[in-house]
Each structure stands twice: as C-alpha cells, then as structure tokens.
Amino acid sequence: MKCVTDFKRARQPEQIEQRRQDILRAAAALMADKGFDQVSLNAIAREAGVAKSNVYRYFEGREEIFLTLLRQDWDQWLLQMEQDIAHLEGSGDVEAFSVLIAESIAGSPRMCQLVSVLATVLEQNLSEQALLTFKTESMQLGLRMMSGVQRVLPDLAAEDLMQLGHTIIALIAGLWPLGNPPLAVQKVMARPELAPFQIQFQPALQMALNLMLKGASKA
C-alpha cells in the first residue's frame, strides 16, 4: 500500500515529518518484500507516492533513508535490551549475557542486514554533515549499549567498553552475510561435505561474544 498523504507539498513541520515517515515506511516495506539490494530510490518514491525529486527535500538519498531506519532499529533494540538485562544486573554472568544479546540481535534482522552494509554502502555518497549527524547519534547509542554491558559486567574496565562496542558491530557485519548468504550459496553449502563450513548467525555470534567478553574480563 502506497504511503500517500493528503497534501501535495509539505510546508508545516508536522507535514514535513509526515512526509519523512511516509518515505521511511515505504523503504521499510520494500526492503521487507524484496531485500535491501533490490530497493532503489525510484521504487521508494513510487511506494511513498512522491516524485523522486521530492524525496531529496527530506533525505540526501537512498543511503540516508536506510541510515535513518538503522538508527531507529538500534534505538528499539537498545530499549528492549535494557529491559531484558534487568535480571542480570551486577551478576557478571558472561555466558547468560552472551546468550541474551545474541538472541536479541538475531531477533532484529533488518538491523543486522543494515549493519552488514553500513561501511560499504550506507556511509557512501553522503555529505560531511549527514555523516557527522549519523556518527554523533551512533556514539550516543553506543554509549547506551556500553552502559548496559557495564550494568551486567561491572568488572570490565571502562576504557575497554567502547572498543567492545566496535567489536560487536564488526561481528554483526561479518557474521550476518555469512549466516544469510544468497540462495545460490545456500544451495551449495547445503551439501553434506560442506557442513563444517556452514555458519548459523545466532550461535556464531553467541560464541564470539562469549569468548570476547571472557577475554576482556580477564584482562
């Protein structure tokens, strides 16, 4: 269903925000239906019921649209994570924490897919100001994530927390495409002799988090 508002051109702040949300919903719907790689700016404009030229009134381009969705996904994931870890607060239980985080991250597939193309696609072709805005907001989200880690694992050194955050992002970016390959790769990897090379995202992420956090706890 196309996202068509009842005004031709957004002029008031609430109209501008409505048009931005129309465009974001259109991009999200197309990504869910076709996959990230198949979603063009033209398709987003058509789905949102606006001319492609009008999309540039609200976003610099396709990359900024999906960066905005990624920020929204991060925020929603953090809100859920902050609630989920309440029963582990102060426990120092690395294994339970790794299970919880891996499960919650795997439960946010759009976030994972967008993280996997963050450096190679989404951060390309953007102005310095758009990148600065994204990085500044990402830093705030990262600090929230590290605060959650510290609530559960209070013995971790404060200076290691941000590096741990970078590593978690890198793990998602690397493991997601390996665990969710294209259909042709899936068919090849389904062969019994290739079983040792098959990767399942959530268990692989859980193991990596467990090892990383245990290593950091001993440092």
Protein backbone atom coordinates (compact mmCIF):
# COMPACT_ATOMS: atom_id res chain seq x y z
CA MET A 1 0.00 0.00 0.00
CA LYS A 2 1.41 3.34 -1.02
CA CYS A 3 2.02 6.00 1.61
CA VAL A 4 0.19 8.98 0.14
CA THR A 5 -0.53 11.99 2.32
CA ASP A 6 -3.41 14.39 1.77
CA PHE A 7 -1.24 17.40 0.98
CA LYS A 8 0.72 18.00 -2.22
CA ARG A 9 3.78 19.65 -0.69
CA ALA A 10 4.90 19.55 2.91
CA ARG A 11 5.29 23.04 4.31
CA GLN A 12 4.48 22.85 8.02
CA PRO A 13 6.85 20.98 10.40
CA GLU A 14 4.26 18.29 11.06
CA GLN A 15 3.70 17.86 7.31
CA ILE A 16 7.43 17.56 6.70
CA GLU A 17 7.72 14.93 9.41
CA GLN A 18 4.71 13.08 7.98
CA ARG A 19 6.32 13.01 4.54
CA ARG A 20 9.61 11.76 6.01
CA GLN A 21 7.75 8.97 7.78
CA ASP A 22 5.92 8.08 4.57
CA ILE A 23 9.26 7.68 2.82
CA LEU A 24 10.75 5.64 5.66
CA ARG A 25 7.73 3.34 5.77
CA ALA A 26 7.93 2.86 2.03
CA ALA A 27 11.63 1.93 2.22
CA ALA A 28 10.99 -0.46 5.11
CA ALA A 29 8.11 -2.18 3.30
CA LEU A 30 10.11 -2.60 0.10
CA MET A 31 13.13 -3.96 1.97
CA ALA A 32 10.95 -6.49 3.78
CA ASP A 33 9.40 -7.57 0.48
CA LYS A 34 12.33 -7.51 -1.93
CA GLY A 35 15.50 -7.34 0.14
CA PHE A 36 17.85 -4.40 0.58
CA ASP A 37 19.78 -4.82 -2.68
CA GLN A 38 16.62 -4.65 -4.77
CA VAL A 39 15.31 -1.37 -3.35
CA SER A 40 16.07 1.70 -5.45
CA LEU A 41 15.32 5.35 -4.72
CA ASN A 42 12.85 5.32 -7.62
CA ALA A 43 10.99 2.41 -6.03
CA ILE A 44 10.89 4.14 -2.66
CA ALA A 45 9.48 7.31 -4.25
CA ARG A 46 6.78 5.34 -6.07
CA GLU A 47 5.84 3.42 -2.93
CA ALA A 48 5.66 6.66 -0.93
CA GLY A 49 3.56 8.33 -3.63
CA VAL A 50 6.00 11.18 -4.29
CA ALA A 51 8.22 12.20 -7.17
CA LYS A 52 11.84 11.10 -6.90
CA SER A 53 12.93 14.75 -6.98
CA ASN A 54 10.76 15.42 -3.93
CA VAL A 55 12.50 12.69 -1.91
CA TYR A 56 15.60 14.90 -1.93
CA ARG A 57 13.68 17.53 0.04
CA TYR A 58 13.75 15.17 3.02
CA PHE A 59 16.79 12.91 2.55
CA GLU A 60 20.08 13.17 0.70
CA GLY A 61 19.37 9.87 -0.98
CA ARG A 62 18.80 6.14 -0.54
CA GLU A 63 21.72 5.82 1.86
CA GLU A 64 20.42 8.39 4.32
CA ILE A 65 16.95 6.81 4.26
CA PHE A 66 18.34 3.45 5.31
CA LEU A 67 20.72 5.02 7.83
CA THR A 68 17.67 6.57 9.45
CA LEU A 69 15.96 3.17 9.58
CA LEU A 70 19.12 1.72 11.11
CA ARG A 71 19.17 4.36 13.84
CA GLN A 72 15.54 3.61 14.60
CA ASP A 73 16.26 -0.12 14.76
CA TRP A 74 19.24 0.44 17.05
CA ASP A 75 17.14 2.55 19.38
CA GLN A 76 14.35 -0.04 19.51
CA TRP A 77 16.85 -2.84 20.09
CA LEU A 78 18.52 -0.91 22.91
CA LEU A 79 15.19 -0.22 24.61
CA GLN A 80 14.40 -3.93 24.58
CA MET A 81 17.92 -4.92 25.61
CA GLU A 82 17.87 -2.51 28.55
CA GLN A 83 14.70 -4.19 29.80
CA ASP A 84 15.91 -7.74 29.15
CA ILE A 85 19.16 -7.42 31.10
CA ALA A 86 17.49 -6.20 34.30
CA HIS A 87 17.59 -9.67 35.89
CA LEU A 88 21.32 -10.00 35.13
CA GLU A 89 22.36 -6.65 36.58
CA GLY A 90 25.59 -6.93 38.58
CA SER A 91 25.81 -10.68 38.04
CA GLY A 92 29.00 -10.76 35.98
CA ASP A 93 27.46 -13.73 34.12
CA VAL A 94 29.21 -13.57 30.75
CA GLU A 95 27.58 -16.70 29.34
CA ALA A 96 24.00 -15.67 30.17
CA PHE A 97 24.67 -12.16 28.89
CA SER A 98 26.11 -13.50 25.61
CA VAL A 99 23.04 -15.69 25.10
CA LEU A 100 20.67 -12.79 25.75
CA ILE A 101 22.50 -10.35 23.48
CA ALA A 102 22.91 -12.83 20.63
CA GLU A 103 19.22 -13.76 20.78
CA SER A 104 18.08 -10.15 20.83
CA ILE A 105 20.37 -9.13 17.97
CA ALA A 106 19.28 -12.11 15.86
CA GLY A 107 15.71 -11.05 16.56
CA SER A 108 16.36 -7.75 14.74
CA PRO A 109 17.18 -8.99 11.22
CA ARG A 110 16.72 -5.65 9.46
CA MET A 111 19.15 -4.04 11.87
CA CYS A 112 21.66 -6.82 11.22
CA GLN A 113 21.35 -6.54 7.46
CA LEU A 114 21.79 -2.79 7.55
CA VAL A 115 24.81 -3.09 9.85
CA SER A 116 26.33 -5.55 7.36
CA VAL A 117 26.27 -2.89 4.62
CA LEU A 118 26.97 0.11 6.86
CA ALA A 119 30.60 0.78 5.90
CA THR A 120 30.45 -0.44 2.30
CA VAL A 121 27.14 1.10 1.19
CA LEU A 122 25.25 3.25 3.67
CA GLU A 123 28.11 5.55 4.61
CA GLN A 124 28.93 6.23 0.96
CA ASN A 125 27.77 9.23 -1.10
CA LEU A 126 26.77 11.31 1.91
CA SER A 127 27.67 14.86 2.81
CA GLU A 128 30.04 15.54 5.68
CA GLN A 129 27.15 16.97 7.71
CA ALA A 130 24.98 13.89 7.21
CA LEU A 131 27.87 11.65 8.24
CA LEU A 132 28.61 13.81 11.28
CA THR A 133 24.97 13.64 12.35
CA PHE A 134 24.90 9.87 11.96
CA LYS A 135 28.18 9.33 13.79
CA THR A 136 27.16 11.62 16.64
CA GLU A 137 23.86 9.84 17.09
CA SER A 138 25.58 6.46 16.77
CA MET A 139 28.02 7.44 19.52
CA GLN A 140 25.13 8.17 21.87
CA LEU A 141 23.56 4.80 21.05
CA GLY A 142 26.94 3.13 21.55
CA LEU A 143 27.31 4.71 24.98
CA ARG A 144 23.90 3.35 25.93
CA MET A 145 24.92 -0.11 24.77
CA MET A 146 28.14 0.04 26.77
CA SER A 147 26.24 1.23 29.83
CA GLY A 148 24.13 -1.92 29.51
CA VAL A 149 27.24 -4.09 29.27
CA GLN A 150 28.68 -2.45 32.37
CA ARG A 151 25.45 -2.97 34.33
CA VAL A 152 25.78 -6.72 33.86
CA LEU A 153 29.59 -6.97 33.85
CA PRO A 154 30.74 -4.28 36.30
CA ASP A 155 34.30 -5.64 36.46
CA LEU A 156 35.03 -4.73 32.83
CA ALA A 157 37.47 -1.85 32.52
CA ALA A 158 35.75 1.36 31.44
CA GLU A 159 38.40 2.05 28.79
CA ASP A 160 37.59 -1.27 27.09
CA LEU A 161 33.87 -0.69 26.76
CA MET A 162 33.83 1.39 23.56
CA GLN A 163 36.24 -0.99 21.84
CA LEU A 164 33.90 -3.81 22.80
CA GLY A 165 31.08 -1.89 21.18
CA HIS A 166 33.07 -1.55 17.95
CA THR A 167 33.80 -5.27 18.04
CA ILE A 168 30.12 -6.19 18.46
CA ILE A 169 29.28 -4.10 15.37
CA ALA A 170 32.11 -5.78 13.47
CA LEU A 171 30.87 -9.22 14.49
CA ILE A 172 27.37 -8.47 13.22
CA ALA A 173 28.74 -7.03 9.98
CA GLY A 174 30.89 -10.08 9.35
CA LEU A 175 28.68 -12.91 10.58
CA TRP A 176 25.32 -11.77 9.20
CA PRO A 177 26.16 -12.19 5.48
CA LEU A 178 27.98 -15.45 6.20
CA GLY A 179 24.96 -16.81 8.03
CA ASN A 180 22.49 -15.45 5.47
CA PRO A 181 24.11 -15.98 2.07
CA PRO A 182 22.37 -15.67 -1.31
CA LEU A 183 20.17 -18.57 -2.41
CA ALA A 184 22.79 -20.00 -4.77
CA VAL A 185 25.34 -20.10 -1.94
CA GLN A 186 22.79 -21.70 0.38
CA LYS A 187 22.22 -24.50 -2.11
CA VAL A 188 25.94 -25.17 -2.43
CA MET A 189 26.52 -25.00 1.33
CA ALA A 190 23.69 -27.49 1.93
CA ARG A 191 25.90 -30.27 0.53
CA PRO A 192 26.90 -32.68 3.35
CA GLU A 193 30.61 -32.41 2.62
CA LEU A 194 30.44 -28.64 3.21
CA ALA A 195 28.70 -28.93 6.58
CA PRO A 196 31.81 -27.87 8.56
CA PHE A 197 31.77 -24.52 6.72
CA GLN A 198 28.11 -23.73 7.39
CA ILE A 199 27.55 -20.79 9.73
CA GLN A 200 24.42 -20.08 11.73
CA PHE A 201 24.32 -16.44 12.73
CA GLN A 202 22.97 -16.59 16.27
CA PRO A 203 25.14 -19.45 17.62
CA ALA A 204 28.23 -17.99 15.95
CA LEU A 205 27.55 -14.55 17.40
CA GLN A 206 26.89 -16.01 20.84
CA MET A 207 30.17 -17.91 20.84
CA ALA A 208 32.13 -14.90 19.65
CA LEU A 209 30.56 -12.63 22.27
CA ASN A 210 31.20 -15.18 24.99
CA LEU A 211 34.87 -15.52 24.10
CA MET A 212 35.36 -11.78 23.66
CA LEU A 213 33.74 -10.83 26.94
CA LYS A 214 35.52 -13.56 28.90
CA GLY A 215 38.83 -12.38 27.46
CA ALA A 216 38.07 -8.77 28.34
CA SER A 217 37.01 -9.76 31.85
CA LYS A 218 40.38 -11.41 32.47
CA ALA A 219 42.44 -8.56 31.02
